[in-house]
N, C-alpha and C. Protein backbone atom coordinates (compact mmCIF):
# COMPACT_ATOMS: atom_id res chain seq x y z
N MET A 1 -12.93 45.75 -11.18
CA MET A 1 -12.49 45.47 -9.83
C MET A 1 -13.60 44.80 -9.02
N LYS A 2 -14.83 45.33 -9.14
CA LYS A 2 -15.93 44.77 -8.36
C LYS A 2 -16.19 43.32 -8.74
N SER A 3 -16.19 43.01 -10.03
CA SER A 3 -16.45 41.63 -10.45
C SER A 3 -15.32 40.69 -10.04
N ALA A 4 -14.11 41.20 -9.97
CA ALA A 4 -13.00 40.37 -9.51
C ALA A 4 -13.16 40.02 -8.03
N LEU A 5 -13.60 40.99 -7.26
CA LEU A 5 -13.82 40.73 -5.83
C LEU A 5 -14.99 39.77 -5.63
N GLN A 6 -16.04 39.91 -6.46
CA GLN A 6 -17.17 38.99 -6.37
C GLN A 6 -16.75 37.57 -6.73
N ALA A 7 -15.93 37.43 -7.76
CA ALA A 7 -15.45 36.10 -8.16
C ALA A 7 -14.60 35.48 -7.05
N LYS A 8 -13.80 36.30 -6.40
CA LYS A 8 -12.98 35.81 -5.30
C LYS A 8 -13.85 35.32 -4.14
N ARG A 9 -14.90 36.11 -3.82
CA ARG A 9 -15.83 35.71 -2.75
C ARG A 9 -16.57 34.43 -3.13
N ARG A 10 -16.99 34.33 -4.39
CA ARG A 10 -17.72 33.14 -4.85
C ARG A 10 -16.85 31.89 -4.72
N ARG A 11 -15.59 31.99 -5.12
CA ARG A 11 -14.67 30.84 -4.99
C ARG A 11 -14.47 30.45 -3.53
N ARG A 12 -14.35 31.46 -2.66
CA ARG A 12 -14.14 31.18 -1.24
C ARG A 12 -15.37 30.47 -0.64
N VAL A 13 -16.55 30.93 -0.97
CA VAL A 13 -17.76 30.33 -0.45
C VAL A 13 -17.93 28.91 -0.99
N ARG A 14 -17.73 28.73 -2.30
CA ARG A 14 -17.96 27.42 -2.92
C ARG A 14 -16.89 26.41 -2.54
N SER A 15 -15.73 26.85 -2.09
CA SER A 15 -14.70 25.90 -1.68
C SER A 15 -15.12 25.14 -0.42
N LYS A 16 -16.02 25.73 0.35
CA LYS A 16 -16.45 25.13 1.61
C LYS A 16 -17.77 24.38 1.49
N ILE A 17 -18.47 24.54 0.35
CA ILE A 17 -19.82 23.99 0.20
C ILE A 17 -19.84 23.01 -0.96
N PHE A 18 -20.43 21.84 -0.71
CA PHE A 18 -20.62 20.85 -1.77
C PHE A 18 -21.92 20.11 -1.47
N GLY A 19 -22.80 20.09 -2.46
CA GLY A 19 -24.09 19.45 -2.27
C GLY A 19 -24.08 18.00 -2.72
N VAL A 20 -24.44 17.09 -1.85
CA VAL A 20 -24.54 15.68 -2.18
C VAL A 20 -26.01 15.30 -2.26
N SER A 21 -26.30 14.08 -2.66
CA SER A 21 -27.70 13.69 -2.86
C SER A 21 -28.49 13.69 -1.55
N GLU A 22 -27.85 13.42 -0.41
CA GLU A 22 -28.56 13.44 0.86
C GLU A 22 -28.82 14.87 1.32
N ARG A 23 -27.91 15.78 0.96
CA ARG A 23 -28.02 17.19 1.37
C ARG A 23 -27.55 18.07 0.21
N PRO A 24 -28.43 18.33 -0.76
CA PRO A 24 -28.03 19.14 -1.92
C PRO A 24 -27.84 20.61 -1.57
N ARG A 25 -27.34 21.34 -2.53
CA ARG A 25 -27.00 22.75 -2.34
C ARG A 25 -28.14 23.65 -2.81
N LEU A 26 -28.56 24.57 -1.95
CA LEU A 26 -29.55 25.59 -2.31
C LEU A 26 -28.78 26.85 -2.66
N THR A 27 -28.74 27.19 -3.94
CA THR A 27 -27.97 28.34 -4.38
C THR A 27 -28.91 29.49 -4.73
N VAL A 28 -28.45 30.69 -4.42
CA VAL A 28 -29.24 31.91 -4.62
C VAL A 28 -28.51 32.81 -5.60
N CYS A 29 -29.26 33.32 -6.55
CA CYS A 29 -28.73 34.29 -7.49
C CYS A 29 -29.70 35.45 -7.52
N LYS A 30 -29.19 36.66 -7.52
CA LYS A 30 -30.09 37.81 -7.56
C LYS A 30 -29.58 38.83 -8.55
N SER A 31 -30.54 39.49 -9.17
CA SER A 31 -30.23 40.62 -10.04
C SER A 31 -30.87 41.85 -9.42
N ILE A 32 -30.89 42.92 -10.15
CA ILE A 32 -31.46 44.14 -9.60
C ILE A 32 -32.97 43.97 -9.35
N LYS A 33 -33.66 43.29 -10.26
CA LYS A 33 -35.11 43.15 -10.14
C LYS A 33 -35.58 41.80 -9.61
N HIS A 34 -34.84 40.73 -9.87
CA HIS A 34 -35.35 39.38 -9.63
C HIS A 34 -34.43 38.57 -8.72
N VAL A 35 -35.01 37.49 -8.18
CA VAL A 35 -34.29 36.55 -7.32
C VAL A 35 -34.54 35.15 -7.88
N TYR A 36 -33.49 34.33 -7.92
CA TYR A 36 -33.57 32.98 -8.43
C TYR A 36 -33.00 32.04 -7.37
N ALA A 37 -33.62 30.89 -7.21
CA ALA A 37 -33.14 29.88 -6.25
C ALA A 37 -33.23 28.52 -6.92
N GLN A 38 -32.19 27.72 -6.74
CA GLN A 38 -32.24 26.36 -7.27
C GLN A 38 -31.53 25.42 -6.33
N ILE A 39 -31.98 24.17 -6.35
CA ILE A 39 -31.38 23.13 -5.54
C ILE A 39 -30.61 22.22 -6.47
N VAL A 40 -29.31 22.04 -6.18
CA VAL A 40 -28.41 21.33 -7.08
C VAL A 40 -27.75 20.17 -6.36
N ASP A 41 -27.69 19.02 -7.03
CA ASP A 41 -26.91 17.88 -6.56
C ASP A 41 -25.58 17.92 -7.30
N ASP A 42 -24.50 18.26 -6.59
CA ASP A 42 -23.20 18.45 -7.23
C ASP A 42 -22.52 17.15 -7.62
N THR A 43 -22.93 16.02 -7.05
CA THR A 43 -22.28 14.77 -7.41
C THR A 43 -22.60 14.38 -8.85
N VAL A 44 -23.81 14.68 -9.31
CA VAL A 44 -24.19 14.37 -10.70
C VAL A 44 -24.32 15.64 -11.53
N GLY A 45 -24.24 16.81 -10.89
CA GLY A 45 -24.33 18.07 -11.62
C GLY A 45 -25.71 18.33 -12.19
N ARG A 46 -26.75 18.08 -11.40
CA ARG A 46 -28.11 18.22 -11.87
C ARG A 46 -28.92 19.14 -10.97
N THR A 47 -29.77 19.96 -11.59
CA THR A 47 -30.68 20.80 -10.84
C THR A 47 -31.91 19.99 -10.47
N LEU A 48 -32.23 19.96 -9.18
CA LEU A 48 -33.35 19.17 -8.70
C LEU A 48 -34.63 19.99 -8.60
N ALA A 49 -34.52 21.26 -8.27
CA ALA A 49 -35.69 22.14 -8.16
C ALA A 49 -35.24 23.56 -8.48
N TYR A 50 -36.16 24.35 -9.06
CA TYR A 50 -35.83 25.70 -9.47
C TYR A 50 -37.06 26.59 -9.31
N VAL A 51 -36.87 27.77 -8.72
CA VAL A 51 -37.94 28.75 -8.57
C VAL A 51 -37.33 30.13 -8.80
N SER A 52 -38.07 31.00 -9.48
CA SER A 52 -37.60 32.36 -9.67
C SER A 52 -38.75 33.34 -9.55
N SER A 53 -38.42 34.59 -9.41
CA SER A 53 -39.44 35.63 -9.30
C SER A 53 -40.04 35.96 -10.66
N THR A 54 -39.55 35.35 -11.72
CA THR A 54 -40.12 35.56 -13.05
C THR A 54 -41.15 34.49 -13.42
N SER A 55 -41.36 33.50 -12.55
CA SER A 55 -42.27 32.41 -12.88
C SER A 55 -43.72 32.88 -12.85
N LYS A 56 -44.49 32.38 -13.78
CA LYS A 56 -45.89 32.79 -13.91
C LYS A 56 -46.78 32.17 -12.84
N GLN A 57 -46.35 31.04 -12.25
CA GLN A 57 -47.15 30.40 -11.21
C GLN A 57 -47.19 31.26 -9.94
N LEU A 58 -46.17 32.04 -9.70
CA LEU A 58 -46.09 32.85 -8.48
C LEU A 58 -46.48 34.31 -8.72
N ALA A 59 -46.96 34.64 -9.92
CA ALA A 59 -47.22 36.04 -10.26
C ALA A 59 -48.23 36.67 -9.32
N GLY A 60 -49.27 35.94 -8.93
CA GLY A 60 -50.28 36.48 -8.02
C GLY A 60 -49.72 36.78 -6.64
N LYS A 61 -48.94 35.85 -6.10
CA LYS A 61 -48.36 36.05 -4.78
C LYS A 61 -47.32 37.17 -4.79
N LEU A 62 -46.50 37.20 -5.85
CA LEU A 62 -45.44 38.20 -5.92
C LEU A 62 -45.99 39.60 -6.15
N GLY A 63 -47.14 39.68 -6.82
CA GLY A 63 -47.75 40.99 -7.05
C GLY A 63 -48.25 41.63 -5.78
N ALA A 64 -48.59 40.81 -4.79
CA ALA A 64 -49.09 41.34 -3.52
C ALA A 64 -47.95 41.76 -2.59
N ALA A 65 -46.71 41.41 -2.92
CA ALA A 65 -45.57 41.76 -2.06
C ALA A 65 -45.29 43.25 -2.12
N LYS A 66 -44.89 43.81 -0.99
CA LYS A 66 -44.64 45.24 -0.91
C LYS A 66 -43.31 45.63 -1.54
N ASN A 67 -42.29 44.81 -1.33
CA ASN A 67 -40.95 45.16 -1.82
C ASN A 67 -40.21 43.89 -2.25
N LYS A 68 -38.98 44.06 -2.68
CA LYS A 68 -38.20 42.93 -3.20
C LYS A 68 -37.83 41.94 -2.11
N THR A 69 -37.69 42.40 -0.87
CA THR A 69 -37.38 41.50 0.23
C THR A 69 -38.55 40.56 0.50
N ASP A 70 -39.76 41.09 0.44
CA ASP A 70 -40.94 40.24 0.60
C ASP A 70 -41.04 39.23 -0.53
N ARG A 71 -40.69 39.64 -1.74
CA ARG A 71 -40.69 38.71 -2.88
C ARG A 71 -39.69 37.59 -2.64
N ALA A 72 -38.53 37.92 -2.10
CA ALA A 72 -37.50 36.91 -1.85
C ALA A 72 -38.00 35.89 -0.82
N LYS A 73 -38.74 36.35 0.17
CA LYS A 73 -39.27 35.42 1.17
C LYS A 73 -40.28 34.48 0.54
N ILE A 74 -41.11 34.99 -0.38
CA ILE A 74 -42.07 34.15 -1.09
C ILE A 74 -41.34 33.12 -1.95
N ILE A 75 -40.24 33.51 -2.56
CA ILE A 75 -39.43 32.58 -3.35
C ILE A 75 -38.86 31.49 -2.45
N GLY A 76 -38.43 31.86 -1.24
CA GLY A 76 -37.92 30.89 -0.28
C GLY A 76 -38.98 29.87 0.11
N LEU A 77 -40.20 30.33 0.35
CA LEU A 77 -41.29 29.41 0.66
C LEU A 77 -41.59 28.50 -0.52
N ALA A 78 -41.53 29.04 -1.73
CA ALA A 78 -41.82 28.25 -2.93
C ALA A 78 -40.74 27.20 -3.18
N ILE A 79 -39.47 27.54 -2.95
CA ILE A 79 -38.41 26.56 -3.17
C ILE A 79 -38.49 25.46 -2.11
N ALA A 80 -38.95 25.80 -0.91
CA ALA A 80 -39.14 24.78 0.13
C ALA A 80 -40.25 23.82 -0.28
N ASP A 81 -41.33 24.34 -0.85
CA ASP A 81 -42.41 23.46 -1.32
C ASP A 81 -41.94 22.56 -2.46
N ALA A 82 -41.17 23.13 -3.38
CA ALA A 82 -40.65 22.34 -4.50
C ALA A 82 -39.69 21.26 -4.00
N ALA A 83 -38.91 21.57 -2.98
CA ALA A 83 -37.98 20.59 -2.42
C ALA A 83 -38.72 19.47 -1.71
N LYS A 84 -39.78 19.82 -0.98
CA LYS A 84 -40.55 18.80 -0.28
C LYS A 84 -41.24 17.85 -1.25
N GLU A 85 -41.66 18.36 -2.40
CA GLU A 85 -42.25 17.49 -3.42
C GLU A 85 -41.24 16.46 -3.93
N LYS A 86 -39.97 16.84 -3.96
CA LYS A 86 -38.91 15.93 -4.41
C LYS A 86 -38.36 15.08 -3.27
N GLY A 87 -38.84 15.29 -2.05
CA GLY A 87 -38.37 14.51 -0.91
C GLY A 87 -37.10 15.06 -0.28
N ILE A 88 -36.80 16.32 -0.49
CA ILE A 88 -35.60 16.94 0.07
C ILE A 88 -35.98 17.71 1.32
N ILE A 89 -35.27 17.41 2.42
CA ILE A 89 -35.57 18.07 3.69
C ILE A 89 -34.40 18.96 4.12
N GLU A 90 -33.17 18.50 3.91
CA GLU A 90 -31.99 19.24 4.33
C GLU A 90 -31.22 19.72 3.11
N VAL A 91 -30.73 20.96 3.18
CA VAL A 91 -29.92 21.53 2.10
C VAL A 91 -28.74 22.28 2.71
N VAL A 92 -27.75 22.54 1.87
CA VAL A 92 -26.62 23.39 2.23
C VAL A 92 -26.87 24.72 1.54
N PHE A 93 -26.84 25.82 2.27
CA PHE A 93 -27.16 27.12 1.71
C PHE A 93 -25.92 27.73 1.07
N ASP A 94 -26.04 28.12 -0.20
CA ASP A 94 -24.95 28.74 -0.96
C ASP A 94 -25.39 30.15 -1.32
N ARG A 95 -24.75 31.15 -0.76
CA ARG A 95 -25.13 32.53 -0.99
C ARG A 95 -24.38 33.14 -2.17
N ASN A 96 -23.53 32.36 -2.84
CA ASN A 96 -22.69 32.85 -3.95
C ASN A 96 -21.80 33.98 -3.44
N HIS A 97 -21.72 35.08 -4.16
CA HIS A 97 -20.86 36.18 -3.74
C HIS A 97 -21.62 37.23 -2.92
N ASN A 98 -22.88 36.95 -2.62
CA ASN A 98 -23.71 37.92 -1.91
C ASN A 98 -23.51 37.83 -0.41
N ARG A 99 -23.70 38.95 0.27
CA ARG A 99 -23.67 38.94 1.72
C ARG A 99 -24.97 38.31 2.23
N TYR A 100 -24.91 37.71 3.41
CA TYR A 100 -26.11 37.15 4.02
C TYR A 100 -26.87 38.31 4.66
N HIS A 101 -27.63 39.01 3.81
CA HIS A 101 -28.25 40.26 4.22
C HIS A 101 -29.37 40.58 3.24
N GLY A 102 -30.44 41.18 3.70
CA GLY A 102 -31.48 41.64 2.79
C GLY A 102 -32.23 40.52 2.12
N ARG A 103 -32.22 40.52 0.77
CA ARG A 103 -33.00 39.54 0.01
C ARG A 103 -32.47 38.13 0.18
N VAL A 104 -31.17 37.96 0.29
CA VAL A 104 -30.59 36.62 0.47
C VAL A 104 -31.02 36.06 1.81
N ARG A 105 -30.98 36.88 2.83
CA ARG A 105 -31.41 36.44 4.16
C ARG A 105 -32.91 36.13 4.18
N ALA A 106 -33.71 36.96 3.51
CA ALA A 106 -35.15 36.73 3.47
C ALA A 106 -35.48 35.42 2.76
N LEU A 107 -34.75 35.11 1.70
CA LEU A 107 -34.97 33.84 0.99
C LEU A 107 -34.64 32.66 1.89
N ALA A 108 -33.53 32.74 2.60
CA ALA A 108 -33.13 31.66 3.51
C ALA A 108 -34.16 31.48 4.63
N GLU A 109 -34.64 32.58 5.18
CA GLU A 109 -35.63 32.49 6.26
C GLU A 109 -36.95 31.93 5.73
N GLY A 110 -37.33 32.31 4.51
CA GLY A 110 -38.53 31.76 3.90
C GLY A 110 -38.42 30.26 3.68
N ALA A 111 -37.23 29.82 3.25
CA ALA A 111 -37.01 28.38 3.05
C ALA A 111 -37.10 27.64 4.37
N ARG A 112 -36.58 28.23 5.43
CA ARG A 112 -36.67 27.59 6.76
C ARG A 112 -38.11 27.54 7.24
N GLU A 113 -38.86 28.61 7.01
CA GLU A 113 -40.27 28.62 7.40
C GLU A 113 -41.05 27.58 6.61
N GLY A 114 -40.63 27.34 5.37
CA GLY A 114 -41.30 26.34 4.53
C GLY A 114 -40.96 24.91 4.91
N GLY A 115 -39.99 24.71 5.81
CA GLY A 115 -39.70 23.37 6.28
C GLY A 115 -38.33 22.83 5.91
N LEU A 116 -37.50 23.61 5.23
CA LEU A 116 -36.16 23.14 4.89
C LEU A 116 -35.20 23.40 6.06
N LYS A 117 -34.25 22.51 6.21
CA LYS A 117 -33.19 22.70 7.19
C LYS A 117 -31.97 23.15 6.43
N CYS A 118 -31.59 24.43 6.64
CA CYS A 118 -30.38 24.94 5.95
C CYS A 118 -29.58 25.81 6.88
């Protein structure tokens, strides 16, 4: 039942969001331990930038975080840096089936602090 409701929410959210090359989609996926963020151009179906809490480049920064919400904010800052390297300034935020709360919100705020408009 829970996965059916999540799939329904995901379809509802994605029906309203489409990432184009001028404004790609920043999608967030989270598990119990980790957070993943990627920027996708839906017109060609390609991932332009990807950052996760499992990456070894961020291990030092993530180790200093107090909790998972702080880690999500660091991931948001990192995805903003990766987007700026590719020349991406504006994105459409895709929360998938998650509520805009907690780690998802922290990631979005971190991306905004890093310079992305979402």
